[in-house]
Amino acid sequence: MRHIERKVKGLVYHYDDPEIMGEQLSYMEKLYDYNATRPMEQDKRQRLLKEMFAEIGDGCHIEPPLHANWGCHYVHFGNGIYCNFNLTFVDDAEIYMGDNCMIAPNVVITTSSHPILPILREHHYEYNVPIHIGKNVLIGSGVQILPGVTIGDNSVIGAGSVVTNNIPAHVVALGVPCRVIREIGDKDKKYFYKDKELDVWD
């Protein structure tokens, strides 16, 4: 079985197989063009995003620099997603993100890892597991989301967290490893930050 077929099937494979590397580099060329755009070239950025992503909805904004080792070829975005500076996708497998998510600076979302068995790493094997992020999720600065994770709708992932396991919907979660701290509820309808009260419901 060719290594590119092993990759598609979710098996361990040689990440440096020439057939894989040639395809990968072609996608990264377009990412290079995106990161080279000037701030006023918003129309050009939108055109490039449509060409780069597996799918991307309307109203998405991604601040350069953006890093992705497959140039976002396996990334699926809904509508209205905002990503701040220095987002990294290790997009060897599919990454799905629902509408209206917000990503703070320096976030890493990685579908790829390497086996524990030393001889497999010595022979350049890796494996990939898709990631699913629901709608209206807020991901804080410096978060790392690891292979196979699912995050439910409306949840908040606190800054600096390392997400190793699934996080349900409608919760605040943080830490290393990331754990649910509390559900989102009535307190959040009254306060937007510590003791600062909301006034937008008047």
Protein backbone atom coordinates (compact mmCIF):
# COMPACT_ATOMS: atom_id res chain seq x y z
CA MET A 1 0.00 0.00 0.00
CA ARG A 2 1.32 3.45 -0.93
CA HIS A 3 2.02 5.78 1.97
CA ILE A 4 -0.43 8.38 0.66
CA GLU A 5 -3.13 5.65 0.84
CA ARG A 6 -2.05 4.76 4.38
CA LYS A 7 -2.38 8.45 5.30
CA VAL A 8 -5.94 8.62 3.96
CA LYS A 9 -6.91 5.44 5.86
CA GLY A 10 -5.62 6.83 9.18
CA LEU A 11 -2.75 4.35 9.45
CA VAL A 12 0.84 5.10 10.36
CA TYR A 13 2.74 6.28 7.29
CA HIS A 14 6.02 7.86 6.17
CA TYR A 15 5.48 11.62 6.36
CA ASP A 16 8.51 12.23 4.09
CA ASP A 17 7.37 9.97 1.25
CA PRO A 18 8.15 11.88 -2.00
CA GLU A 19 4.60 11.42 -3.33
CA ILE A 20 3.19 13.07 -0.20
CA MET A 21 5.81 15.81 0.00
CA GLY A 22 5.29 16.94 -3.61
CA GLU A 23 1.56 17.47 -3.09
CA GLN A 24 2.09 19.14 0.26
CA LEU A 25 4.55 21.72 -1.06
CA SER A 26 2.19 22.79 -3.82
CA TYR A 27 -0.46 23.76 -1.24
CA MET A 28 2.06 25.60 0.90
CA GLU A 29 2.94 27.87 -2.04
CA LYS A 30 -0.53 29.44 -1.86
CA LEU A 31 -0.21 29.88 1.91
CA TYR A 32 3.05 31.72 1.30
CA ASP A 33 1.18 34.10 -1.03
CA TYR A 34 -1.48 34.68 1.62
CA ASN A 35 1.07 35.59 4.28
CA ALA A 36 2.76 37.99 1.85
CA THR A 37 -0.39 40.08 1.34
CA ARG A 38 -0.50 43.67 2.53
CA PRO A 39 -3.08 44.84 5.12
CA MET A 40 -5.14 46.71 2.51
CA GLU A 41 -5.37 43.67 0.22
CA GLN A 42 -8.48 42.27 1.87
CA ASP A 43 -10.13 41.17 -1.38
CA LYS A 44 -7.00 39.24 -2.37
CA ARG A 45 -6.93 37.56 1.04
CA GLN A 46 -10.54 36.44 0.67
CA ARG A 47 -9.86 35.02 -2.78
CA LEU A 48 -6.82 33.11 -1.55
CA LEU A 49 -8.70 31.69 1.45
CA LYS A 50 -11.37 30.29 -0.90
CA GLU A 51 -8.61 28.62 -2.93
CA MET A 52 -6.63 27.34 0.08
CA PHE A 53 -9.28 25.82 2.35
CA ALA A 54 -11.18 22.59 1.83
CA GLU A 55 -14.21 24.82 2.47
CA ILE A 56 -14.66 28.22 4.07
CA GLY A 57 -17.87 30.17 4.67
CA ASP A 58 -18.66 33.86 4.40
CA GLY A 59 -17.27 36.54 6.70
CA CYS A 60 -14.16 34.68 7.85
CA HIS A 61 -11.09 36.72 8.77
CA ILE A 62 -7.63 35.31 9.47
CA GLU A 63 -4.79 37.59 10.52
CA PRO A 64 -1.41 36.71 8.98
CA PRO A 65 0.85 35.03 9.68
CA LEU A 66 -1.06 31.79 9.31
CA HIS A 67 0.84 28.49 9.44
CA ALA A 68 -0.38 25.16 8.05
CA ASN A 69 1.74 22.30 6.84
CA TRP A 70 -0.85 21.42 4.18
CA GLY A 71 -1.72 25.05 3.46
CA CYS A 72 -5.23 24.60 5.00
CA HIS A 73 -6.13 22.06 2.30
CA TYR A 74 -7.81 19.85 4.94
CA VAL A 75 -9.44 22.66 6.98
CA HIS A 76 -13.23 23.16 6.87
CA PHE A 77 -14.58 26.49 8.20
CA GLY A 78 -18.15 27.62 8.71
CA ASN A 79 -19.25 31.28 8.50
CA GLY A 80 -18.07 34.28 10.51
CA ILE A 81 -14.89 32.80 12.01
CA TYR A 82 -12.18 35.15 13.31
CA CYS A 83 -8.58 33.97 13.84
CA ASN A 84 -5.96 36.22 15.38
CA PHE A 85 -2.23 36.27 14.63
CA ASN A 86 0.04 33.23 14.45
CA LEU A 87 -2.52 30.44 14.20
CA THR A 88 -0.94 27.07 13.37
CA PHE A 89 -2.81 24.17 11.78
CA VAL A 90 -1.03 20.84 11.58
CA ASP A 91 -3.61 19.82 9.03
CA ASP A 92 -2.45 16.37 7.93
CA ALA A 93 -6.04 15.24 8.56
CA GLU A 94 -9.39 17.04 8.46
CA ILE A 95 -10.09 19.95 10.84
CA TYR A 96 -13.71 21.10 11.14
CA MET A 97 -14.78 24.37 12.78
CA GLY A 98 -18.37 25.63 13.06
CA ASP A 99 -19.83 29.11 12.56
CA ASN A 100 -18.79 32.16 14.60
CA CYS A 101 -15.78 30.70 16.38
CA MET A 102 -13.08 33.03 17.66
CA ILE A 103 -9.41 32.09 18.01
CA ALA A 104 -6.93 34.21 19.98
CA PRO A 105 -3.22 34.55 19.07
CA ASN A 106 -0.67 31.72 19.09
CA VAL A 107 -3.08 28.79 18.98
CA VAL A 108 -1.95 25.38 17.68
CA ILE A 109 -4.48 22.87 16.31
CA THR A 110 -2.72 19.63 15.39
CA THR A 111 -4.17 16.47 13.87
CA SER A 112 -0.77 14.79 13.67
CA SER A 113 1.48 12.96 16.11
CA HIS A 114 4.17 10.29 16.16
CA PRO A 115 4.10 6.78 17.68
CA ILE A 116 5.51 6.12 21.14
CA LEU A 117 7.53 3.13 19.88
CA PRO A 118 11.03 4.56 19.20
CA ILE A 119 11.82 2.48 16.12
CA LEU A 120 8.73 3.82 14.33
CA ARG A 121 9.85 7.41 14.90
CA GLU A 122 13.35 6.47 13.75
CA HIS A 123 11.79 5.34 10.47
CA HIS A 124 9.76 8.58 10.07
CA TYR A 125 6.28 7.29 10.81
CA GLU A 126 3.42 9.48 11.95
CA TYR A 127 -0.36 9.22 12.25
CA ASN A 128 -3.28 11.65 12.02
CA VAL A 129 -6.69 11.93 13.71
CA PRO A 130 -9.32 14.55 12.68
CA ILE A 131 -10.42 17.40 14.99
CA HIS A 132 -13.99 18.75 15.34
CA ILE A 133 -14.76 22.16 16.88
CA GLY A 134 -18.40 23.19 17.20
CA LYS A 135 -20.15 26.51 16.64
CA ASN A 136 -19.46 29.71 18.58
CA VAL A 137 -16.41 28.32 20.41
CA LEU A 138 -13.89 30.76 21.94
CA ILE A 139 -10.29 29.51 22.05
CA GLY A 140 -7.94 31.57 24.25
CA SER A 141 -4.36 32.61 23.59
CA GLY A 142 -1.71 29.91 23.42
CA VAL A 143 -4.12 26.97 23.45
CA GLN A 144 -2.96 23.66 21.98
CA ILE A 145 -5.59 21.26 20.65
CA LEU A 146 -4.29 17.73 20.10
CA PRO A 147 -5.30 14.99 17.62
CA GLY A 148 -8.78 13.49 17.77
CA VAL A 149 -10.32 16.15 20.05
CA THR A 150 -13.95 17.30 19.75
CA ILE A 151 -15.10 20.58 21.37
CA GLY A 152 -18.84 21.19 21.71
CA ASP A 153 -20.85 24.26 20.71
CA ASN A 154 -20.53 27.53 22.67
CA SER A 155 -17.69 26.37 24.92
CA VAL A 156 -14.74 28.51 26.05
CA ILE A 157 -11.19 27.13 26.22
CA GLY A 158 -9.06 29.18 28.61
CA ALA A 159 -5.70 30.64 27.59
CA GLY A 160 -2.70 28.33 27.78
CA SER A 161 -4.74 25.13 27.89
CA VAL A 162 -3.64 21.84 26.35
CA VAL A 163 -6.75 20.04 25.10
CA THR A 164 -6.08 16.30 25.12
CA ASN A 165 -9.66 14.98 25.48
CA ASN A 166 -13.13 15.93 24.29
CA ILE A 167 -14.81 19.00 25.82
CA PRO A 168 -18.64 19.10 25.93
CA ALA A 169 -20.87 21.97 24.80
CA HIS A 170 -21.75 25.04 26.91
CA VAL A 171 -18.82 24.90 29.36
CA VAL A 172 -15.73 26.82 30.40
CA ALA A 173 -12.66 24.57 30.35
CA LEU A 174 -9.00 25.27 31.01
CA GLY A 175 -5.74 23.85 32.29
CA VAL A 176 -3.00 21.38 31.44
CA PRO A 177 -4.56 19.01 30.65
CA CYS A 178 -7.73 20.98 29.86
CA ARG A 179 -10.68 20.16 32.14
CA VAL A 180 -14.22 21.48 32.52
CA ILE A 181 -14.37 24.14 35.27
CA ARG A 182 -18.04 25.03 35.08
CA GLU A 183 -21.07 25.30 32.85
CA ILE A 184 -22.00 28.55 31.15
CA GLY A 185 -25.08 29.89 32.96
CA ASP A 186 -26.87 32.71 34.81
CA LYS A 187 -23.67 34.33 36.11
CA ASP A 188 -22.56 34.89 32.53
CA LYS A 189 -25.81 36.70 31.78
CA LYS A 190 -24.95 39.27 34.48
CA TYR A 191 -21.15 39.66 34.31
CA PHE A 192 -18.86 39.74 31.26
CA TYR A 193 -15.59 39.90 33.26
CA LYS A 194 -15.19 39.27 37.00
CA ASP A 195 -17.44 41.91 38.65
CA LYS A 196 -18.04 44.00 35.52
CA GLU A 197 -21.75 43.93 34.76
CA LEU A 198 -23.31 43.55 31.35
CA ASP A 199 -25.45 46.41 30.12
CA VAL A 200 -26.34 45.15 26.64
CA TRP A 201 -29.65 43.58 27.73
CA ASP A 202 -31.28 46.98 28.57
